[in-house]
Amino acid sequence: MSRSKWKGPYIQTDLLEQISKSCNSKKKEFQIFCRNSYIIPQFVGLTFKIHNGKTFIKVLVIEEMVGHKFGEFSPTRKKFSYKKKKN
């Protein structure tokens, strides 16, 4: 079920605080565990390290990502491929 429109997009408050504090220190890279937060226009141009359950994946936010969630850009599963048989 999706989030109701009157509530607006979910954005973790800690994430917003980190970004507002970093404006003074010019920090451009943030580690986040919150994969369900939406990407807003203020995040464009920043680099986020998104946790996928095992490691952090580096993602640079661009304008086309606005409105999507962080979890969409850090896959959690390995790509499966069948092993070839020897003849």
Protein backbone atom coordinates (compact mmCIF):
# COMPACT_ATOMS: atom_id res chain seq x y z
CA MET A 1 0.00 0.00 0.00
CA SER A 2 1.30 3.44 -0.85
CA ARG A 3 1.61 6.42 1.44
CA SER A 4 -1.36 8.80 1.46
CA LYS A 5 -0.92 12.01 -0.52
CA TRP A 6 -1.89 14.39 2.27
CA LYS A 7 1.09 13.18 4.34
CA GLY A 8 3.57 13.95 1.58
CA PRO A 9 6.76 12.02 0.78
CA TYR A 10 8.63 10.32 3.63
CA ILE A 11 12.08 11.73 4.31
CA GLN A 12 14.08 10.72 7.37
CA THR A 13 14.50 13.74 9.67
CA ASP A 14 18.08 12.80 10.59
CA LEU A 15 19.00 12.91 6.92
CA LEU A 16 17.62 16.42 6.51
CA GLU A 17 19.52 17.58 9.62
CA GLN A 18 22.80 16.12 8.30
CA ILE A 19 22.41 17.92 4.99
CA SER A 20 21.49 21.25 6.57
CA LYS A 21 24.55 21.06 8.85
CA SER A 22 26.82 20.10 5.97
CA CYS A 23 26.02 23.25 3.98
CA ASN A 24 28.54 25.04 6.18
CA SER A 25 31.20 22.32 6.06
CA LYS A 26 30.83 21.54 2.31
CA LYS A 27 30.52 17.80 3.00
CA LYS A 28 29.32 16.07 -0.16
CA GLU A 29 29.08 12.38 0.89
CA PHE A 30 26.58 10.87 3.32
CA GLN A 31 26.15 7.32 4.60
CA ILE A 32 22.51 6.31 4.98
CA PHE A 33 20.69 3.17 6.01
CA CYS A 34 17.24 4.57 5.21
CA ARG A 35 16.33 3.06 1.84
CA ASN A 36 12.66 4.13 2.04
CA SER A 37 13.30 7.88 2.04
CA TYR A 38 12.33 9.82 -1.07
CA ILE A 39 14.86 11.84 -3.04
CA ILE A 40 14.00 15.54 -3.03
CA PRO A 41 15.43 18.37 -5.21
CA GLN A 42 17.74 19.53 -2.37
CA PHE A 43 19.70 16.25 -2.71
CA VAL A 44 20.67 16.83 -6.36
CA GLY A 45 24.45 16.91 -6.79
CA LEU A 46 25.18 15.14 -3.50
CA THR A 47 26.70 11.68 -3.16
CA PHE A 48 25.09 9.13 -0.88
CA LYS A 49 26.44 5.78 0.30
CA ILE A 50 23.34 3.60 0.52
CA HIS A 51 23.50 0.42 2.61
CA ASN A 52 22.25 -2.68 0.80
CA GLY A 53 22.44 -5.07 3.76
CA LYS A 54 26.10 -5.94 3.32
CA THR A 55 28.04 -3.01 1.88
CA PHE A 56 27.55 0.63 0.99
CA ILE A 57 26.92 1.51 -2.65
CA LYS A 58 27.94 4.98 -3.82
CA VAL A 59 25.18 6.85 -5.67
CA LEU A 60 25.38 10.35 -7.14
CA VAL A 61 21.92 11.96 -7.16
CA ILE A 62 20.87 13.56 -10.46
CA GLU A 63 17.67 15.36 -11.45
CA GLU A 64 16.03 12.26 -12.96
CA MET A 65 16.14 10.54 -9.54
CA VAL A 66 13.92 13.12 -7.82
CA GLY A 67 10.69 11.49 -6.64
CA HIS A 68 12.16 8.00 -6.40
CA LYS A 69 13.35 6.20 -3.26
CA PHE A 70 17.00 5.57 -2.34
CA GLY A 71 16.44 1.81 -2.25
CA GLU A 72 15.74 1.72 -5.97
CA PHE A 73 19.37 2.57 -6.73
CA SER A 74 21.14 0.03 -4.51
CA PRO A 75 20.30 -3.57 -5.41
CA THR A 76 20.23 -6.05 -2.53
CA ARG A 77 20.49 -9.28 -4.49
CA LYS A 78 23.21 -10.73 -6.65
CA LYS A 79 22.58 -11.34 -10.31
CA PHE A 80 21.94 -15.05 -10.87
CA SER A 81 23.55 -16.92 -13.74
CA TYR A 82 23.49 -20.62 -14.54
CA LYS A 83 26.80 -22.44 -14.59
CA LYS A 84 27.83 -23.84 -17.94
CA LYS A 85 28.28 -27.60 -18.23
CA LYS A 86 31.53 -29.11 -19.45
CA ASN A 87 31.26 -31.28 -22.57
